[in-house]
N, C-alpha and C. Protein backbone atom coordinates (compact mmCIF):
# COMPACT_ATOMS: atom_id res chain seq x y z
N MET A 1 132.37 -3.90 115.44
CA MET A 1 131.73 -2.61 115.62
C MET A 1 132.64 -1.51 115.08
N GLU A 2 132.06 -0.56 114.39
CA GLU A 2 132.81 0.52 113.80
C GLU A 2 133.26 1.51 114.87
N ARG A 3 134.48 1.98 114.74
CA ARG A 3 135.05 2.94 115.69
C ARG A 3 134.33 4.28 115.57
N ASN A 4 134.01 4.89 116.71
CA ASN A 4 133.36 6.20 116.75
C ASN A 4 134.35 7.21 117.30
N ILE A 5 135.09 7.86 116.40
CA ILE A 5 136.15 8.79 116.81
C ILE A 5 135.57 9.99 117.53
N ILE A 6 134.43 10.49 117.06
CA ILE A 6 133.82 11.66 117.70
C ILE A 6 133.50 11.35 119.16
N GLU A 7 132.96 10.17 119.43
CA GLU A 7 132.66 9.79 120.82
C GLU A 7 133.95 9.63 121.62
N GLU A 8 134.97 9.07 121.02
CA GLU A 8 136.26 8.92 121.69
C GLU A 8 136.83 10.27 122.10
N LEU A 9 136.61 11.29 121.29
CA LEU A 9 137.15 12.62 121.57
C LEU A 9 136.45 13.32 122.73
N GLY A 10 135.27 12.85 123.10
CA GLY A 10 134.56 13.45 124.23
C GLY A 10 134.33 14.94 124.05
N SER A 11 134.67 15.70 125.08
CA SER A 11 134.39 17.14 125.05
C SER A 11 135.20 17.90 124.01
N LEU A 12 136.30 17.32 123.53
CA LEU A 12 137.08 17.97 122.49
C LEU A 12 136.26 18.13 121.22
N ALA A 13 135.33 17.25 121.00
CA ALA A 13 134.49 17.30 119.80
C ALA A 13 133.10 17.86 120.10
N LEU A 14 132.97 18.59 121.19
CA LEU A 14 131.66 19.12 121.57
C LEU A 14 131.03 19.93 120.44
N ALA A 15 131.76 20.86 119.85
CA ALA A 15 131.20 21.69 118.77
C ALA A 15 130.80 20.82 117.58
N THR A 16 131.62 19.83 117.26
CA THR A 16 131.29 18.94 116.16
C THR A 16 130.03 18.16 116.46
N ARG A 17 129.92 17.67 117.68
CA ARG A 17 128.72 16.91 118.06
C ARG A 17 127.48 17.79 118.02
N LEU A 18 127.60 19.01 118.52
CA LEU A 18 126.45 19.93 118.50
C LEU A 18 126.08 20.28 117.06
N LYS A 19 127.08 20.52 116.23
CA LYS A 19 126.83 20.83 114.81
C LYS A 19 126.16 19.64 114.14
N ASN A 20 126.69 18.45 114.40
CA ASN A 20 126.10 17.24 113.82
C ASN A 20 124.65 17.06 114.28
N LEU A 21 124.41 17.30 115.56
CA LEU A 21 123.06 17.19 116.10
C LEU A 21 122.14 18.24 115.48
N SER A 22 122.62 19.46 115.37
CA SER A 22 121.84 20.53 114.75
C SER A 22 121.49 20.19 113.31
N GLU A 23 122.46 19.72 112.56
CA GLU A 23 122.22 19.36 111.16
C GLU A 23 121.22 18.22 111.05
N ARG A 24 121.29 17.27 111.96
CA ARG A 24 120.36 16.13 111.95
C ARG A 24 118.93 16.58 112.20
N LEU A 25 118.74 17.44 113.19
CA LEU A 25 117.41 17.95 113.50
C LEU A 25 116.88 18.81 112.36
N ALA A 26 117.73 19.69 111.83
CA ALA A 26 117.31 20.59 110.75
C ALA A 26 116.91 19.80 109.50
N LYS A 27 117.62 18.73 109.21
CA LYS A 27 117.31 17.91 108.03
C LYS A 27 115.90 17.32 108.15
N ASP A 28 115.57 16.80 109.33
CA ASP A 28 114.23 16.23 109.53
C ASP A 28 113.14 17.29 109.49
N VAL A 29 113.41 18.45 110.09
CA VAL A 29 112.42 19.53 110.08
C VAL A 29 112.25 20.04 108.64
N ALA A 30 113.34 20.12 107.89
CA ALA A 30 113.24 20.53 106.48
C ALA A 30 112.36 19.56 105.70
N ALA A 31 112.48 18.28 106.00
CA ALA A 31 111.64 17.27 105.33
C ALA A 31 110.17 17.46 105.71
N ILE A 32 109.92 17.79 106.96
CA ILE A 32 108.54 18.05 107.41
C ILE A 32 107.99 19.27 106.69
N TYR A 33 108.79 20.36 106.61
CA TYR A 33 108.35 21.55 105.88
C TYR A 33 108.00 21.20 104.44
N LYS A 34 108.89 20.46 103.79
CA LYS A 34 108.69 20.11 102.39
C LYS A 34 107.42 19.27 102.22
N GLU A 35 107.25 18.25 103.06
CA GLU A 35 106.05 17.40 102.97
C GLU A 35 104.77 18.17 103.30
N SER A 36 104.92 19.24 104.08
CA SER A 36 103.78 20.07 104.43
C SER A 36 103.55 21.18 103.41
N ASP A 37 104.28 21.13 102.31
CA ASP A 37 104.19 22.10 101.22
C ASP A 37 104.55 23.52 101.62
N PHE A 38 105.53 23.65 102.51
CA PHE A 38 106.04 24.97 102.88
C PHE A 38 107.40 25.15 102.24
N ASP A 39 107.56 26.23 101.49
CA ASP A 39 108.84 26.60 100.92
C ASP A 39 109.58 27.39 102.00
N PHE A 40 110.19 26.66 102.91
CA PHE A 40 110.77 27.27 104.11
C PHE A 40 111.94 26.42 104.57
N GLU A 41 113.01 27.10 104.98
CA GLU A 41 114.21 26.42 105.46
C GLU A 41 114.35 26.62 106.97
N PRO A 42 114.79 25.58 107.69
CA PRO A 42 114.97 25.72 109.14
C PRO A 42 115.85 26.89 109.56
N ARG A 43 116.85 27.23 108.76
CA ARG A 43 117.76 28.32 109.15
C ARG A 43 117.10 29.69 109.09
N TRP A 44 115.95 29.79 108.45
CA TRP A 44 115.22 31.06 108.40
C TRP A 44 114.36 31.26 109.64
N PHE A 45 114.10 30.19 110.37
CA PHE A 45 113.10 30.20 111.44
C PHE A 45 113.29 31.34 112.45
N ALA A 46 114.48 31.47 113.02
CA ALA A 46 114.69 32.45 114.10
C ALA A 46 114.40 33.87 113.64
N VAL A 47 114.85 34.24 112.45
CA VAL A 47 114.62 35.59 111.93
C VAL A 47 113.12 35.81 111.69
N VAL A 48 112.48 34.85 111.03
CA VAL A 48 111.04 34.97 110.75
C VAL A 48 110.26 35.04 112.06
N TYR A 49 110.60 34.19 113.01
CA TYR A 49 109.90 34.17 114.28
C TYR A 49 110.06 35.50 115.02
N ALA A 50 111.25 36.07 114.96
CA ALA A 50 111.51 37.36 115.62
C ALA A 50 110.66 38.48 115.02
N LEU A 51 110.29 38.33 113.75
CA LEU A 51 109.52 39.37 113.06
C LEU A 51 108.02 39.07 113.01
N LYS A 52 107.60 37.95 113.57
CA LYS A 52 106.23 37.46 113.36
C LYS A 52 105.13 38.36 113.95
N ASN A 53 105.47 39.24 114.86
CA ASN A 53 104.45 40.12 115.45
C ASN A 53 104.29 41.43 114.69
N GLY A 54 104.91 41.51 113.52
CA GLY A 54 104.75 42.69 112.68
C GLY A 54 105.71 43.82 112.99
N GLU A 55 106.65 43.58 113.89
CA GLU A 55 107.63 44.63 114.23
C GLU A 55 108.61 44.84 113.09
N GLU A 56 109.13 46.04 113.02
CA GLU A 56 110.22 46.36 112.10
C GLU A 56 111.48 46.42 112.95
N LEU A 57 112.44 45.54 112.65
CA LEU A 57 113.65 45.46 113.46
C LEU A 57 114.89 45.64 112.59
N ALA A 58 115.90 46.27 113.17
CA ALA A 58 117.18 46.43 112.50
C ALA A 58 117.93 45.11 112.51
N VAL A 59 118.73 44.88 111.49
CA VAL A 59 119.54 43.67 111.43
C VAL A 59 120.42 43.56 112.68
N THR A 60 120.97 44.68 113.13
CA THR A 60 121.81 44.67 114.32
C THR A 60 121.03 44.22 115.56
N GLU A 61 119.78 44.68 115.68
CA GLU A 61 118.92 44.26 116.80
C GLU A 61 118.63 42.76 116.72
N LEU A 62 118.30 42.31 115.52
CA LEU A 62 118.01 40.89 115.32
C LEU A 62 119.22 40.04 115.67
N ALA A 63 120.38 40.44 115.18
CA ALA A 63 121.60 39.68 115.45
C ALA A 63 121.85 39.56 116.95
N ALA A 64 121.68 40.67 117.66
CA ALA A 64 121.91 40.65 119.11
C ALA A 64 120.87 39.79 119.82
N SER A 65 119.60 39.95 119.48
CA SER A 65 118.56 39.20 120.19
C SER A 65 118.56 37.71 119.85
N LEU A 66 119.05 37.37 118.66
CA LEU A 66 119.12 35.96 118.26
C LEU A 66 120.47 35.33 118.60
N GLN A 67 121.38 36.14 119.12
CA GLN A 67 122.74 35.70 119.45
C GLN A 67 123.41 35.07 118.23
N GLN A 68 123.25 35.75 117.10
CA GLN A 68 123.88 35.34 115.86
C GLN A 68 124.73 36.49 115.35
N THR A 69 125.58 36.21 114.40
CA THR A 69 126.42 37.27 113.85
C THR A 69 125.61 38.14 112.89
N HIS A 70 126.05 39.38 112.76
CA HIS A 70 125.41 40.30 111.82
C HIS A 70 125.44 39.74 110.40
N PRO A 71 126.58 39.20 109.92
CA PRO A 71 126.60 38.62 108.58
C PRO A 71 125.64 37.43 108.42
N ALA A 72 125.50 36.62 109.46
CA ALA A 72 124.59 35.47 109.37
C ALA A 72 123.14 35.93 109.23
N VAL A 73 122.75 36.94 110.00
CA VAL A 73 121.39 37.47 109.91
C VAL A 73 121.19 38.16 108.56
N ASN A 74 122.20 38.90 108.11
CA ASN A 74 122.11 39.55 106.80
C ASN A 74 121.93 38.53 105.68
N GLN A 75 122.64 37.43 105.77
CA GLN A 75 122.54 36.39 104.74
C GLN A 75 121.11 35.83 104.67
N VAL A 76 120.54 35.52 105.82
CA VAL A 76 119.17 35.02 105.86
C VAL A 76 118.21 36.11 105.39
N ALA A 77 118.42 37.34 105.84
CA ALA A 77 117.56 38.45 105.43
C ALA A 77 117.56 38.62 103.91
N ASN A 78 118.72 38.50 103.29
CA ASN A 78 118.80 38.62 101.83
C ASN A 78 117.94 37.58 101.13
N ILE A 79 117.96 36.36 101.63
CA ILE A 79 117.15 35.28 101.05
C ILE A 79 115.66 35.58 101.25
N LEU A 80 115.30 36.01 102.46
CA LEU A 80 113.90 36.28 102.77
C LEU A 80 113.36 37.46 101.96
N VAL A 81 114.20 38.46 101.70
CA VAL A 81 113.80 39.59 100.86
C VAL A 81 113.60 39.10 99.43
N LYS A 82 114.52 38.29 98.94
CA LYS A 82 114.43 37.76 97.58
C LYS A 82 113.17 36.90 97.42
N LYS A 83 112.79 36.17 98.46
CA LYS A 83 111.60 35.33 98.42
C LYS A 83 110.33 36.13 98.69
N LYS A 84 110.50 37.43 98.92
CA LYS A 84 109.38 38.35 99.18
C LYS A 84 108.62 38.03 100.47
N LEU A 85 109.32 37.44 101.44
CA LEU A 85 108.73 37.17 102.74
C LEU A 85 109.03 38.31 103.71
N VAL A 86 110.05 39.10 103.39
CA VAL A 86 110.47 40.22 104.23
C VAL A 86 110.65 41.45 103.36
N ILE A 87 110.27 42.59 103.92
CA ILE A 87 110.46 43.89 103.27
C ILE A 87 111.59 44.59 104.01
N GLU A 88 112.50 45.19 103.25
CA GLU A 88 113.59 45.93 103.88
C GLU A 88 113.42 47.42 103.61
N SER A 89 113.91 48.21 104.55
CA SER A 89 113.91 49.66 104.38
C SER A 89 115.11 50.21 105.14
N LYS A 90 115.33 51.50 104.98
CA LYS A 90 116.43 52.18 105.69
C LYS A 90 115.85 53.04 106.80
N ASP A 91 116.58 53.14 107.88
CA ASP A 91 116.18 53.97 109.00
C ASP A 91 116.32 55.44 108.58
N ASP A 92 115.27 56.23 108.82
CA ASP A 92 115.30 57.66 108.46
C ASP A 92 116.45 58.40 109.15
N ALA A 93 116.72 58.03 110.40
CA ALA A 93 117.75 58.72 111.17
C ALA A 93 119.16 58.24 110.81
N ASP A 94 119.28 57.00 110.33
CA ASP A 94 120.60 56.43 110.00
C ASP A 94 120.46 55.53 108.78
N GLN A 95 120.77 56.06 107.63
CA GLN A 95 120.58 55.35 106.36
C GLN A 95 121.42 54.06 106.26
N ARG A 96 122.41 53.92 107.13
CA ARG A 96 123.21 52.69 107.13
C ARG A 96 122.46 51.54 107.78
N LYS A 97 121.45 51.86 108.57
CA LYS A 97 120.72 50.86 109.35
C LYS A 97 119.65 50.21 108.47
N ARG A 98 119.75 48.90 108.33
CA ARG A 98 118.81 48.12 107.52
C ARG A 98 117.70 47.60 108.41
N LEU A 99 116.47 47.97 108.08
CA LEU A 99 115.30 47.55 108.85
C LEU A 99 114.56 46.44 108.10
N LEU A 100 114.06 45.48 108.84
CA LEU A 100 113.35 44.34 108.26
C LEU A 100 111.97 44.19 108.89
N LYS A 101 111.03 43.80 108.06
CA LYS A 101 109.66 43.57 108.52
C LYS A 101 109.08 42.48 107.63
N LEU A 102 108.25 41.61 108.21
CA LEU A 102 107.59 40.59 107.39
C LEU A 102 106.64 41.26 106.41
N SER A 103 106.63 40.78 105.19
CA SER A 103 105.69 41.26 104.17
C SER A 103 104.32 40.62 104.46
N ASP A 104 103.33 41.01 103.72
CA ASP A 104 102.01 40.39 103.87
C ASP A 104 102.09 38.89 103.61
N SER A 105 102.85 38.50 102.58
CA SER A 105 102.97 37.06 102.29
C SER A 105 103.77 36.37 103.38
N GLY A 106 104.73 37.06 103.98
CA GLY A 106 105.47 36.51 105.11
C GLY A 106 104.58 36.28 106.32
N MET A 107 103.71 37.27 106.59
CA MET A 107 102.76 37.14 107.71
C MET A 107 101.78 35.99 107.45
N GLU A 108 101.34 35.87 106.21
CA GLU A 108 100.42 34.80 105.84
C GLU A 108 101.09 33.43 106.03
N LEU A 109 102.35 33.33 105.61
CA LEU A 109 103.08 32.08 105.78
C LEU A 109 103.23 31.73 107.26
N VAL A 110 103.57 32.71 108.08
CA VAL A 110 103.70 32.48 109.53
C VAL A 110 102.38 31.95 110.09
N GLY A 111 101.27 32.56 109.70
CA GLY A 111 99.97 32.10 110.17
C GLY A 111 99.71 30.64 109.83
N LYS A 112 100.13 30.24 108.64
CA LYS A 112 99.93 28.85 108.20
C LYS A 112 100.89 27.89 108.90
N MET A 113 102.07 28.38 109.30
CA MET A 113 103.09 27.50 109.87
C MET A 113 103.03 27.37 111.38
N GLU A 114 102.33 28.27 112.06
CA GLU A 114 102.36 28.27 113.53
C GLU A 114 101.90 26.95 114.14
N GLY A 115 100.90 26.32 113.56
CA GLY A 115 100.44 25.03 114.07
C GLY A 115 101.51 23.96 113.95
N LEU A 116 102.22 23.96 112.84
CA LEU A 116 103.31 23.01 112.64
C LEU A 116 104.45 23.29 113.62
N TRP A 117 104.76 24.57 113.84
CA TRP A 117 105.80 24.91 114.80
C TRP A 117 105.46 24.41 116.20
N LEU A 118 104.19 24.46 116.58
CA LEU A 118 103.79 23.93 117.88
C LEU A 118 104.03 22.43 117.96
N LYS A 119 103.77 21.73 116.86
CA LYS A 119 104.01 20.28 116.83
C LYS A 119 105.51 19.98 116.87
N ILE A 120 106.31 20.79 116.18
CA ILE A 120 107.76 20.62 116.24
C ILE A 120 108.25 20.87 117.66
N LYS A 121 107.71 21.91 118.32
CA LYS A 121 108.08 22.18 119.72
C LYS A 121 107.72 21.00 120.61
N LYS A 122 106.54 20.44 120.40
CA LYS A 122 106.11 19.29 121.20
C LYS A 122 107.04 18.10 120.96
N ALA A 123 107.42 17.87 119.72
CA ALA A 123 108.36 16.78 119.41
C ALA A 123 109.73 17.07 120.04
N ASN A 124 110.19 18.32 120.00
CA ASN A 124 111.46 18.69 120.65
C ASN A 124 111.38 18.48 122.16
N ASP A 125 110.28 18.92 122.77
CA ASP A 125 110.10 18.74 124.21
C ASP A 125 110.14 17.26 124.58
N GLN A 126 109.47 16.43 123.78
CA GLN A 126 109.47 14.99 124.05
C GLN A 126 110.87 14.41 123.89
N LEU A 127 111.59 14.86 122.89
CA LEU A 127 112.97 14.40 122.70
C LEU A 127 113.82 14.76 123.91
N LEU A 128 113.67 15.96 124.44
CA LEU A 128 114.45 16.39 125.61
C LEU A 128 114.05 15.60 126.86
N ILE A 129 112.78 15.25 126.98
CA ILE A 129 112.33 14.43 128.10
C ILE A 129 112.94 13.03 128.01
N ASP A 130 113.05 12.51 126.77
CA ASP A 130 113.63 11.18 126.55
C ASP A 130 115.12 11.13 126.90
N SER A 131 115.79 12.28 126.95
CA SER A 131 117.21 12.33 127.27
C SER A 131 117.41 12.83 128.70
N LYS A 132 118.53 12.41 129.34
CA LYS A 132 118.72 12.73 130.76
C LYS A 132 120.18 13.02 131.13
N GLN A 133 120.42 13.48 132.34
CA GLN A 133 121.69 13.55 133.07
C GLN A 133 122.75 14.54 132.56
N ASN A 134 124.01 14.14 132.64
CA ASN A 134 125.19 14.93 132.26
C ASN A 134 125.08 15.41 130.81
N PHE A 135 125.55 16.64 130.55
CA PHE A 135 125.38 17.23 129.23
C PHE A 135 125.96 16.37 128.11
N LEU A 136 127.20 15.90 128.28
CA LEU A 136 127.78 15.05 127.23
C LEU A 136 126.99 13.75 127.09
N ASP A 137 126.59 13.19 128.23
CA ASP A 137 125.74 12.00 128.17
C ASP A 137 124.39 12.34 127.56
N ASP A 138 123.89 13.53 127.86
CA ASP A 138 122.62 13.98 127.28
C ASP A 138 122.71 14.03 125.75
N ILE A 139 123.83 14.53 125.24
CA ILE A 139 123.99 14.58 123.79
C ILE A 139 123.95 13.17 123.22
N LYS A 140 124.66 12.25 123.87
CA LYS A 140 124.66 10.86 123.40
C LYS A 140 123.25 10.28 123.47
N THR A 141 122.54 10.58 124.55
CA THR A 141 121.17 10.08 124.71
C THR A 141 120.26 10.65 123.63
N ILE A 142 120.42 11.94 123.33
CA ILE A 142 119.62 12.58 122.27
C ILE A 142 119.93 11.93 120.93
N GLU A 143 121.21 11.70 120.67
CA GLU A 143 121.60 11.03 119.42
C GLU A 143 120.95 9.65 119.34
N SER A 144 121.01 8.91 120.46
CA SER A 144 120.41 7.57 120.50
C SER A 144 118.89 7.63 120.35
N ALA A 145 118.29 8.61 121.02
CA ALA A 145 116.83 8.77 120.92
C ALA A 145 116.43 9.07 119.48
N LEU A 146 117.24 9.86 118.78
CA LEU A 146 116.96 10.17 117.38
C LEU A 146 117.20 8.94 116.49
N ASP A 147 118.14 8.07 116.89
CA ASP A 147 118.35 6.82 116.15
C ASP A 147 117.10 5.94 116.26
N GLU A 148 116.51 5.94 117.43
CA GLU A 148 115.30 5.12 117.64
C GLU A 148 114.07 5.73 117.00
N LYS A 149 113.98 7.05 117.08
CA LYS A 149 112.83 7.75 116.48
C LYS A 149 113.30 9.12 116.04
N SER A 150 113.42 9.29 114.75
CA SER A 150 113.93 10.55 114.19
C SER A 150 112.99 11.71 114.51
N MET A 151 113.51 12.91 114.36
CA MET A 151 112.68 14.10 114.53
C MET A 151 111.56 14.08 113.50
N TYR A 152 111.90 13.63 112.30
CA TYR A 152 110.89 13.50 111.25
C TYR A 152 109.74 12.62 111.75
N ASP A 153 110.08 11.44 112.29
CA ASP A 153 109.04 10.53 112.78
C ASP A 153 108.28 11.11 113.97
N ARG A 154 108.96 11.81 114.84
CA ARG A 154 108.31 12.43 116.00
C ARG A 154 107.28 13.46 115.57
N VAL A 155 107.66 14.33 114.64
CA VAL A 155 106.73 15.35 114.16
C VAL A 155 105.62 14.68 113.33
N LYS A 156 106.04 13.75 112.48
CA LYS A 156 105.08 13.07 111.60
C LYS A 156 103.98 12.40 112.43
N SER A 157 104.35 11.81 113.58
CA SER A 157 103.37 11.12 114.43
C SER A 157 102.35 12.09 115.04
N LEU A 158 102.70 13.38 115.05
CA LEU A 158 101.81 14.41 115.62
C LEU A 158 100.91 15.06 114.55
N LEU A 159 101.21 14.76 113.30
CA LEU A 159 100.44 15.39 112.22
C LEU A 159 99.13 14.64 111.98
């Protein structure tokens, strides 16, 4: 049997395990998006979702509400503006403040994706039900549950 150093490290590798788990889930969801003909990346989800009700929000507000860094939100915003999914403007009272709002095509994309997001949520909920107990053990259980049935397969079975 191959040595599992990350498991041996236990809580010392918590961030690595969470990052690995996040990357694993995002990869499968990205595959679902691609197979569903959506030009959409999992890392854009939180920003797009925060704007889905047509609100115009400042990058600083988004960063705070999403518990992400200002540069991380700015990076995603730049991509979404380039893809014409988000419109940017400046605050009249403070020209330094960058405001973001979904464009018409962004709103249209959200409308098309909401059903898929519900299926992804259902697959996530089922994955969490399949895992139990202590947080570190829960991570191992989630990893094992994904080994048995990937997120891709979980979502795919709901399509």
